[in-house]
N, C-alpha and C. Protein backbone atom coordinates (compact mmCIF):
# COMPACT_ATOMS: atom_id res chain seq x y z
N MET A 1 -3.08 7.82 -14.55
CA MET A 1 -3.95 7.36 -13.67
C MET A 1 -4.14 7.95 -12.51
N LEU A 2 -5.54 7.69 -11.91
CA LEU A 2 -5.74 8.00 -10.94
C LEU A 2 -6.71 7.12 -10.16
N ILE A 3 -6.62 7.48 -8.81
CA ILE A 3 -7.38 6.52 -7.62
C ILE A 3 -8.03 7.44 -6.94
N PHE A 4 -9.07 7.32 -7.04
CA PHE A 4 -10.28 8.26 -6.25
C PHE A 4 -10.29 7.06 -4.73
N LEU A 5 -9.58 7.82 -3.65
CA LEU A 5 -9.46 7.14 -2.53
C LEU A 5 -10.16 7.78 -0.92
N ASP A 6 -10.70 6.79 -0.56
CA ASP A 6 -11.35 7.07 0.61
C ASP A 6 -10.34 6.70 1.66
N ILE A 7 -10.74 7.10 2.97
CA ILE A 7 -9.69 7.05 4.01
C ILE A 7 -10.37 5.70 5.17
N ASP A 8 -11.49 6.20 5.58
CA ASP A 8 -12.06 5.58 6.57
C ASP A 8 -12.67 4.40 5.89
N GLY A 9 -12.67 2.98 6.61
CA GLY A 9 -13.02 1.93 5.77
C GLY A 9 -12.19 1.10 4.65
N VAL A 10 -10.89 2.36 4.36
CA VAL A 10 -10.38 1.83 3.23
C VAL A 10 -8.58 1.58 3.80
N MET A 11 -8.37 3.03 4.57
CA MET A 11 -6.88 3.02 5.20
C MET A 11 -7.27 2.68 6.08
N ILE A 12 -8.13 2.91 7.02
CA ILE A 12 -8.62 2.88 8.27
C ILE A 12 -9.55 1.98 8.55
N PRO A 13 -9.37 0.64 9.14
CA PRO A 13 -10.62 -0.26 9.16
C PRO A 13 -11.54 0.58 10.07
N ALA A 14 -12.87 0.30 9.35
CA ALA A 14 -14.07 1.15 10.83
C ALA A 14 -14.52 0.29 11.72
N ALA A 15 -13.55 0.23 13.02
CA ALA A 15 -13.92 -0.57 13.50
C ALA A 15 -14.25 0.29 15.29
N SER A 16 -15.25 0.82 15.13
CA SER A 16 -15.68 1.78 16.41
C SER A 16 -14.95 1.09 17.77
N TRP A 17 -15.37 0.09 18.38
CA TRP A 17 -15.05 -0.52 19.51
C TRP A 17 -13.63 -0.82 19.10
N LYS A 18 -12.49 -0.73 18.36
CA LYS A 18 -11.28 -0.47 18.28
C LYS A 18 -10.68 1.07 18.08
N PRO A 19 -10.13 2.08 18.51
CA PRO A 19 -9.94 3.26 18.51
C PRO A 19 -8.48 3.37 17.58
N THR A 20 -8.47 3.80 16.70
CA THR A 20 -7.43 4.06 15.83
C THR A 20 -6.59 5.36 16.86
N PRO A 21 -5.19 5.21 17.09
CA PRO A 21 -4.53 6.09 17.78
C PRO A 21 -3.70 7.24 16.44
N ASN A 22 -3.96 8.39 16.99
CA ASN A 22 -3.39 9.28 15.99
C ASN A 22 -1.97 9.57 16.23
N LEU A 23 -0.94 9.64 14.99
CA LEU A 23 0.19 10.17 14.99
C LEU A 23 0.39 11.76 15.73
N ASP A 24 1.60 11.98 15.38
CA ASP A 24 2.07 13.33 15.71
C ASP A 24 1.19 14.59 14.77
N ASP A 25 0.98 13.84 13.62
CA ASP A 25 0.40 15.10 12.48
C ASP A 25 -1.33 14.80 13.19
N ASP A 26 -1.80 14.32 14.49
CA ASP A 26 -3.28 14.51 14.52
C ASP A 26 -3.99 13.54 13.58
N PHE A 27 -3.55 12.92 12.91
CA PHE A 27 -4.44 12.25 11.94
C PHE A 27 -4.08 10.64 12.38
N PRO A 28 -5.04 9.69 12.31
CA PRO A 28 -4.85 8.22 12.62
C PRO A 28 -3.71 7.82 11.84
N GLN A 29 -3.33 6.47 12.81
CA GLN A 29 -2.33 5.63 11.49
C GLN A 29 -3.23 4.95 10.88
N PHE A 30 -2.66 4.51 9.50
CA PHE A 30 -3.27 3.81 8.67
C PHE A 30 -2.79 2.30 8.90
N SER A 31 -3.95 1.60 8.51
CA SER A 31 -3.38 -0.50 8.70
C SER A 31 -2.41 -0.49 7.95
N MET A 32 -1.21 -1.38 8.47
CA MET A 32 -0.06 -1.37 7.90
C MET A 32 -0.38 -2.46 6.56
N LYS A 33 -1.69 -3.16 6.29
CA LYS A 33 -1.84 -4.06 5.45
C LYS A 33 -2.07 -3.29 4.15
N ALA A 34 -3.44 -1.99 4.69
CA ALA A 34 -3.47 -1.16 3.37
C ALA A 34 -2.57 -0.15 3.26
N VAL A 35 -1.27 0.25 3.85
CA VAL A 35 -0.76 0.89 3.46
C VAL A 35 0.28 0.12 2.24
N SER A 36 0.53 -1.57 2.67
CA SER A 36 1.12 -2.11 1.48
C SER A 36 0.21 -2.27 0.49
N ASN A 37 -0.70 -2.60 0.23
CA ASN A 37 -1.62 -3.15 -0.72
C ASN A 37 -1.92 -1.53 -1.30
N LEU A 38 -1.91 -0.43 -1.00
CA LEU A 38 -1.67 1.06 -1.85
C LEU A 38 -0.76 1.04 -2.36
N ASN A 39 0.44 0.75 -1.89
CA ASN A 39 1.81 0.81 -2.19
C ASN A 39 2.20 -0.24 -3.61
N GLN A 40 0.95 -1.40 -3.46
CA GLN A 40 1.58 -2.19 -4.59
C GLN A 40 0.78 -1.51 -5.78
N ILE A 41 -0.49 -1.03 -5.36
CA ILE A 41 -1.28 -0.54 -6.44
C ILE A 41 -0.13 0.84 -7.09
N LEU A 42 -0.06 1.31 -6.04
CA LEU A 42 1.03 2.86 -6.80
C LEU A 42 2.21 1.99 -7.37
N ILE A 43 2.97 1.34 -7.07
CA ILE A 43 4.13 0.75 -7.97
C ILE A 43 4.03 0.16 -9.16
N GLU A 44 2.85 -0.70 -9.23
CA GLU A 44 2.66 -1.09 -10.57
C GLU A 44 1.92 -0.28 -11.40
N THR A 45 1.56 0.96 -10.78
CA THR A 45 0.80 1.73 -12.07
C THR A 45 1.24 3.24 -12.24
N ASN A 46 1.81 3.71 -11.11
CA ASN A 46 2.14 5.01 -11.16
C ASN A 46 1.01 6.32 -11.27
N ALA A 47 0.15 5.62 -10.51
CA ALA A 47 -1.40 6.66 -9.90
C ALA A 47 -0.60 7.17 -9.17
N SER A 48 -1.56 8.70 -9.03
CA SER A 48 -1.63 9.55 -8.05
C SER A 48 -3.14 9.15 -7.36
N ILE A 49 -3.21 10.14 -6.41
CA ILE A 49 -4.70 9.46 -5.82
C ILE A 49 -5.41 11.42 -5.66
N VAL A 50 -6.69 10.99 -5.69
CA VAL A 50 -7.55 12.31 -5.13
C VAL A 50 -8.58 11.69 -4.37
N LEU A 51 -8.20 12.33 -3.07
CA LEU A 51 -8.90 12.13 -2.13
C LEU A 51 -10.52 12.21 -1.94
N THR A 52 -11.31 11.26 -1.46
CA THR A 52 -12.48 11.65 -1.52
C THR A 52 -13.22 11.24 -0.10
N THR A 53 -12.11 11.19 0.63
CA THR A 53 -12.41 11.32 2.15
C THR A 53 -13.35 12.38 2.72
N SER A 54 -14.02 12.08 3.64
CA SER A 54 -14.95 13.19 4.69
C SER A 54 -13.87 14.31 5.15
N HIS A 55 -12.78 13.68 5.34
CA HIS A 55 -11.34 14.53 5.84
C HIS A 55 -10.92 15.35 4.73
N LYS A 56 -11.14 15.43 3.50
CA LYS A 56 -10.33 16.10 2.59
C LYS A 56 -9.87 17.33 3.04
N SER A 57 -10.91 17.79 3.60
CA SER A 57 -10.69 19.63 4.08
C SER A 57 -10.00 20.38 5.01
N ARG A 58 -9.66 18.77 5.98
CA ARG A 58 -8.82 19.05 7.29
C ARG A 58 -7.23 19.41 6.99
N PHE A 59 -6.80 19.18 5.50
CA PHE A 59 -5.88 19.52 5.75
C PHE A 59 -5.40 19.90 3.85
N SER A 60 -4.41 20.73 3.88
CA SER A 60 -3.93 21.03 2.50
C SER A 60 -3.48 19.86 1.47
N THR A 61 -3.30 20.10 0.46
CA THR A 61 -2.65 18.99 -0.24
C THR A 61 -1.07 18.59 0.02
N SER A 62 -0.80 19.79 0.47
CA SER A 62 0.78 19.14 0.49
C SER A 62 0.80 18.70 2.28
N GLU A 63 0.10 19.30 2.96
CA GLU A 63 -0.16 18.41 4.13
C GLU A 63 -0.54 17.01 3.74
N TRP A 64 -1.71 16.71 3.22
CA TRP A 64 -2.21 15.52 3.20
C TRP A 64 -0.73 14.48 2.60
N GLU A 65 0.04 14.90 1.30
CA GLU A 65 1.10 14.21 1.04
C GLU A 65 2.08 13.92 2.46
N SER A 66 2.37 14.83 3.15
CA SER A 66 2.83 14.57 4.30
C SER A 66 2.73 13.52 5.09
N ILE A 67 1.40 13.61 5.50
CA ILE A 67 0.46 12.25 6.04
C ILE A 67 0.87 11.17 5.66
N PHE A 68 0.60 11.16 4.35
CA PHE A 68 0.54 9.63 3.53
C PHE A 68 2.38 9.40 3.66
N LYS A 69 3.13 10.39 3.53
CA LYS A 69 4.40 10.03 3.50
C LYS A 69 4.75 9.48 4.78
N ALA A 70 4.30 10.11 5.57
CA ALA A 70 4.76 9.63 7.38
C ALA A 70 4.41 8.08 7.82
N ARG A 71 3.15 7.51 6.59
CA ARG A 71 2.59 6.56 6.93
C ARG A 71 3.24 5.40 5.95
N GLY A 72 4.26 5.88 5.20
CA GLY A 72 4.74 5.15 4.06
C GLY A 72 4.70 5.02 3.00
N ILE A 73 3.66 6.05 2.60
CA ILE A 73 3.15 5.98 1.20
C ILE A 73 3.58 7.20 0.60
N ASP A 74 4.24 7.57 -0.54
CA ASP A 74 4.97 8.62 -1.17
C ASP A 74 4.21 8.51 -2.61
N VAL A 75 3.26 9.87 -2.56
CA VAL A 75 2.57 9.98 -3.70
C VAL A 75 1.89 11.53 -3.77
N LYS A 76 1.62 11.36 -5.29
CA LYS A 76 1.02 12.96 -5.48
C LYS A 76 -0.41 12.86 -5.29
N ILE A 77 -1.21 13.62 -4.33
CA ILE A 77 -1.96 13.76 -3.64
C ILE A 77 -2.94 15.23 -4.58
N GLN A 78 -4.17 15.02 -5.15
CA GLN A 78 -5.27 16.05 -5.16
C GLN A 78 -6.16 15.53 -4.24
N LYS A 79 -7.52 16.35 -4.16
CA LYS A 79 -8.30 16.20 -3.46
C LYS A 79 -9.86 16.77 -3.90
N LEU A 80 -10.74 16.20 -4.06
CA LEU A 80 -12.33 16.61 -4.01
C LEU A 80 -12.32 17.87 -3.62
N ASP A 81 -13.14 18.75 -4.48
CA ASP A 81 -13.44 20.40 -3.69
C ASP A 81 -14.48 20.02 -2.52
N ASP A 82 -14.30 21.18 -1.92
CA ASP A 82 -14.88 21.13 -0.40
C ASP A 82 -16.36 20.91 -0.96
N ASN A 83 -17.01 20.34 0.10
CA ASN A 83 -18.17 20.01 -0.39
C ASN A 83 -19.28 21.17 0.41
N LEU A 84 -19.54 22.03 -0.38
CA LEU A 84 -20.13 22.94 0.09
C LEU A 84 -21.94 23.14 -0.39
N ASN A 85 -22.22 21.77 -1.37
CA ASN A 85 -23.43 21.63 -1.39
C ASN A 85 -23.98 20.48 -0.70
N ASN A 86 -23.32 19.88 0.11
CA ASN A 86 -23.73 18.77 0.67
C ASN A 86 -24.14 17.46 -0.17
N LEU A 87 -23.48 17.32 -1.00
CA LEU A 87 -23.66 16.20 -1.89
C LEU A 87 -22.65 14.59 -1.15
N ASP A 88 -23.59 13.73 -1.71
CA ASP A 88 -23.17 12.47 -1.02
C ASP A 88 -21.84 12.36 -2.33
N ARG A 89 -21.33 11.34 -1.40
CA ARG A 89 -19.94 11.02 -2.23
C ARG A 89 -19.91 10.44 -3.39
N LYS A 90 -21.06 9.95 -3.63
CA LYS A 90 -21.50 9.64 -5.51
C LYS A 90 -21.32 11.22 -6.03
N GLY A 91 -22.13 11.99 -5.70
CA GLY A 91 -22.35 13.46 -6.32
C GLY A 91 -21.33 14.23 -5.94
N GLU A 92 -20.52 13.86 -4.90
CA GLU A 92 -18.88 14.73 -5.23
C GLU A 92 -18.23 14.09 -6.20
N ILE A 93 -18.06 12.73 -6.58
CA ILE A 93 -17.32 12.44 -7.46
C ILE A 93 -17.92 12.54 -9.04
N LEU A 94 -19.19 12.27 -8.94
CA LEU A 94 -19.75 12.96 -10.29
C LEU A 94 -19.23 14.39 -11.07
N ASN A 95 -19.49 15.37 -9.53
CA ASN A 95 -19.36 16.62 -9.95
C ASN A 95 -17.50 16.88 -10.09
N TRP A 96 -16.70 16.09 -9.74
CA TRP A 96 -15.55 16.33 -9.92
C TRP A 96 -14.91 16.04 -11.13
N ILE A 97 -15.53 14.44 -11.71
CA ILE A 97 -15.21 13.90 -13.19
C ILE A 97 -15.98 15.12 -13.99
N ASP A 98 -17.02 15.68 -13.74
CA ASP A 98 -17.46 16.87 -14.94
C ASP A 98 -16.83 17.82 -14.97
N LYS A 99 -16.30 18.23 -14.10
CA LYS A 99 -15.43 19.40 -14.21
C LYS A 99 -13.92 19.20 -14.52
N ASN A 100 -13.60 17.91 -13.97
CA ASN A 100 -11.73 18.15 -14.57
C ASN A 100 -11.73 16.50 -15.30
N TRP A 101 -12.49 16.20 -15.90
CA TRP A 101 -11.99 15.04 -16.26
C TRP A 101 -11.30 14.56 -17.80
N ASN A 102 -10.17 14.21 -17.70
CA ASN A 102 -9.26 14.34 -18.91
C ASN A 102 -8.13 12.84 -18.13
N TYR A 103 -8.84 11.82 -17.45
CA TYR A 103 -7.97 10.65 -17.45
C TYR A 103 -9.11 9.84 -18.17
N GLU A 104 -8.23 8.81 -18.66
CA GLU A 104 -9.14 7.86 -19.20
C GLU A 104 -9.32 6.46 -18.15
N LYS A 105 -8.11 6.32 -17.41
CA LYS A 105 -8.26 5.30 -16.50
C LYS A 105 -8.14 5.73 -14.99
N PHE A 106 -8.75 5.05 -14.44
CA PHE A 106 -9.29 5.52 -13.03
C PHE A 106 -9.95 4.45 -11.95
N VAL A 107 -9.26 4.18 -10.86
CA VAL A 107 -10.60 3.41 -9.90
C VAL A 107 -10.88 4.19 -9.04
N ILE A 108 -11.68 3.83 -8.40
CA ILE A 108 -12.55 4.51 -6.90
C ILE A 108 -12.29 3.31 -6.21
N ILE A 109 -11.67 3.74 -5.00
CA ILE A 109 -11.63 2.46 -3.74
C ILE A 109 -12.12 3.50 -2.55
N ASP A 110 -13.37 2.79 -1.86
CA ASP A 110 -14.08 2.87 -1.19
C ASP A 110 -14.81 2.38 -0.23
N ASP A 111 -15.52 2.13 0.66
CA ASP A 111 -16.52 1.55 1.31
C ASP A 111 -17.81 1.57 1.58
N ASP A 112 -18.10 3.17 0.42
CA ASP A 112 -19.35 3.43 0.62
C ASP A 112 -20.33 2.88 -0.42
N LYS A 113 -21.54 2.12 -0.17
CA LYS A 113 -22.06 0.96 -0.72
C LYS A 113 -23.21 2.12 -1.52
N ASN A 114 -23.56 2.98 -1.45
CA ASN A 114 -24.40 4.11 -2.01
C ASN A 114 -23.69 4.27 -3.58
N LEU A 115 -22.04 4.13 -3.48
CA LEU A 115 -21.56 4.29 -4.83
C LEU A 115 -21.92 3.09 -5.68
N ASN A 116 -22.54 2.49 -5.29
CA ASN A 116 -23.37 1.27 -6.16
C ASN A 116 -24.09 2.05 -7.20
N GLY A 117 -24.79 3.35 -6.94
CA GLY A 117 -25.80 3.94 -7.76
C GLY A 117 -24.89 4.97 -9.04
N LEU A 118 -23.82 4.38 -9.09
CA LEU A 118 -22.93 5.54 -10.03
C LEU A 118 -23.13 5.03 -11.62
N PRO A 119 -23.10 5.81 -12.72
CA PRO A 119 -23.55 5.41 -13.67
C PRO A 119 -22.63 4.09 -14.20
N THR A 120 -23.10 3.46 -15.19
CA THR A 120 -22.25 1.87 -15.00
C THR A 120 -20.63 2.24 -16.04
N GLU A 121 -20.50 3.02 -16.60
CA GLU A 121 -19.27 3.23 -17.05
C GLU A 121 -18.36 3.75 -15.96
N ILE A 122 -18.62 4.25 -14.89
CA ILE A 122 -17.77 4.71 -13.73
C ILE A 122 -17.81 3.69 -12.82
N LYS A 123 -18.99 2.99 -12.30
CA LYS A 123 -19.32 1.97 -11.32
C LYS A 123 -18.29 1.10 -11.74
N GLU A 124 -18.25 0.56 -12.96
CA GLU A 124 -16.94 -0.69 -13.23
C GLU A 124 -15.95 -0.51 -12.82
N LYS A 125 -15.75 0.66 -12.68
CA LYS A 125 -14.10 0.90 -12.03
C LYS A 125 -14.30 1.23 -10.37
N LEU A 126 -15.38 0.66 -9.92
CA LEU A 126 -15.55 0.69 -8.35
C LEU A 126 -14.82 -0.97 -7.62
N VAL A 127 -14.06 -0.05 -6.56
CA VAL A 127 -13.37 -1.32 -5.89
C VAL A 127 -13.71 -1.24 -4.54
N LEU A 128 -15.11 -1.88 -3.92
CA LEU A 128 -15.68 -1.60 -2.81
C LEU A 128 -15.24 -2.20 -1.39
N THR A 129 -14.42 -1.94 -0.72
CA THR A 129 -13.84 -2.41 0.71
C THR A 129 -14.66 -2.67 1.45
N LYS A 130 -14.43 -3.69 2.07
CA LYS A 130 -15.03 -4.38 3.18
C LYS A 130 -14.54 -3.07 4.68
N SER A 131 -15.80 -2.53 4.93
CA SER A 131 -15.83 -1.55 6.23
C SER A 131 -14.78 -2.12 7.17
N LEU A 132 -14.52 -2.72 7.81
CA LEU A 132 -14.04 -3.76 9.14
C LEU A 132 -12.91 -3.94 8.57
N VAL A 133 -12.16 -4.10 7.17
CA VAL A 133 -10.88 -4.80 6.66
C VAL A 133 -9.89 -3.97 6.31
N GLY A 134 -11.01 -2.67 5.30
CA GLY A 134 -9.79 -1.91 4.43
C GLY A 134 -9.49 -2.68 3.24
N ILE A 135 -8.84 -1.99 2.58
CA ILE A 135 -8.03 -2.61 1.25
C ILE A 135 -7.41 -3.79 1.64
N ASN A 136 -7.62 -4.70 1.04
CA ASN A 136 -7.09 -5.97 1.15
C ASN A 136 -6.36 -6.46 -0.28
N GLU A 137 -5.63 -7.64 -0.30
CA GLU A 137 -4.89 -7.69 -1.22
C GLU A 137 -5.87 -8.28 -2.69
N GLU A 138 -6.86 -8.71 -2.73
CA GLU A 138 -8.14 -8.39 -3.61
C GLU A 138 -8.17 -7.49 -4.54
N ASP A 139 -8.41 -6.58 -3.45
CA ASP A 139 -8.91 -5.06 -3.83
C ASP A 139 -7.87 -4.56 -4.61
N ALA A 140 -6.54 -4.69 -3.97
CA ALA A 140 -5.50 -4.19 -4.67
C ALA A 140 -5.32 -4.73 -5.96
N SER A 141 -5.41 -6.27 -6.20
CA SER A 141 -5.58 -7.07 -7.35
C SER A 141 -6.34 -6.22 -8.28
N SER A 142 -7.70 -6.26 -8.06
CA SER A 142 -8.60 -5.34 -8.70
C SER A 142 -8.20 -4.38 -9.34
N ALA A 143 -7.95 -3.18 -8.25
CA ALA A 143 -7.60 -1.99 -8.71
C ALA A 143 -6.70 -1.72 -9.90
N ILE A 144 -5.42 -2.54 -9.77
CA ILE A 144 -4.19 -2.83 -10.54
C ILE A 144 -4.87 -3.46 -11.99
N ASP A 145 -5.75 -4.11 -11.83
CA ASP A 145 -6.22 -4.65 -13.23
C ASP A 145 -7.52 -3.59 -14.04
N MET A 146 -8.14 -2.66 -12.99
CA MET A 146 -8.67 -2.07 -13.85
C MET A 146 -7.56 -0.77 -14.30
N LEU A 147 -7.08 -0.55 -13.37
CA LEU A 147 -5.58 0.49 -13.95
C LEU A 147 -5.44 0.22 -15.51
N LYS A 148 -4.87 -1.00 -15.25
CA LYS A 148 -4.29 -1.74 -16.42
C LYS A 148 -4.98 -2.27 -17.71
N LYS A 149 -6.32 -1.93 -17.18
CA LYS A 149 -6.99 -2.77 -18.35
C LYS A 149 -6.96 -4.12 -18.76
N ARG A 150 -6.40 -4.75 -17.63
CA ARG A 150 -6.22 -6.22 -17.83
C ARG A 150 -7.46 -7.12 -17.45
N SER A 151 -7.65 -8.07 -18.47
CA SER A 151 -8.71 -8.93 -18.28
C SER A 151 -8.78 -9.40 -16.89
N LEU A 152 -9.85 -9.29 -16.12
CA LEU A 152 -10.37 -9.78 -14.75
C LEU A 152 -10.96 -11.50 -14.84
N VAL A 153 -10.95 -12.21 -15.91
CA VAL A 153 -11.25 -13.35 -15.61
C VAL A 153 -9.92 -14.17 -15.34
N ALA A 154 -10.19 -14.77 -14.30
CA ALA A 154 -9.39 -15.95 -13.66
C ALA A 154 -8.78 -17.01 -14.67
N ALA A 155 -7.64 -16.78 -15.02
CA ALA A 155 -7.05 -17.78 -15.88
C ALA A 155 -7.14 -19.28 -15.41
């Protein structure tokens, strides 16, 4: 199982008027609620992460794993290829899927509304977060449902 994960607007609420301090690794602190919600997804699904963030090329995968671990998230991380063709996020994800696809269960957690333009079979796996909030409990529950392929119909 895979989680295509953005950081800004997902793990770090995008409030430009409220700067987020960097930790010793020179990357911003994640929202504690986002950490808790992502950890809930990871605990229930045992998924790994493919970083889709624009920051992905800033660090190696082992450095990213250390960054996440320092913020309370212990997970195996991959990342999209460097964006040498200046693709938008949708294009980057589709390109990665075309090259690497061998996963049946995945979810995309992002705040980029342009992802609404994904092909239907991929878009149905999109959890669109609110940029100023980041991943909340409802988003986490939706992601878990998608990864476990449970019905999303309320009881």
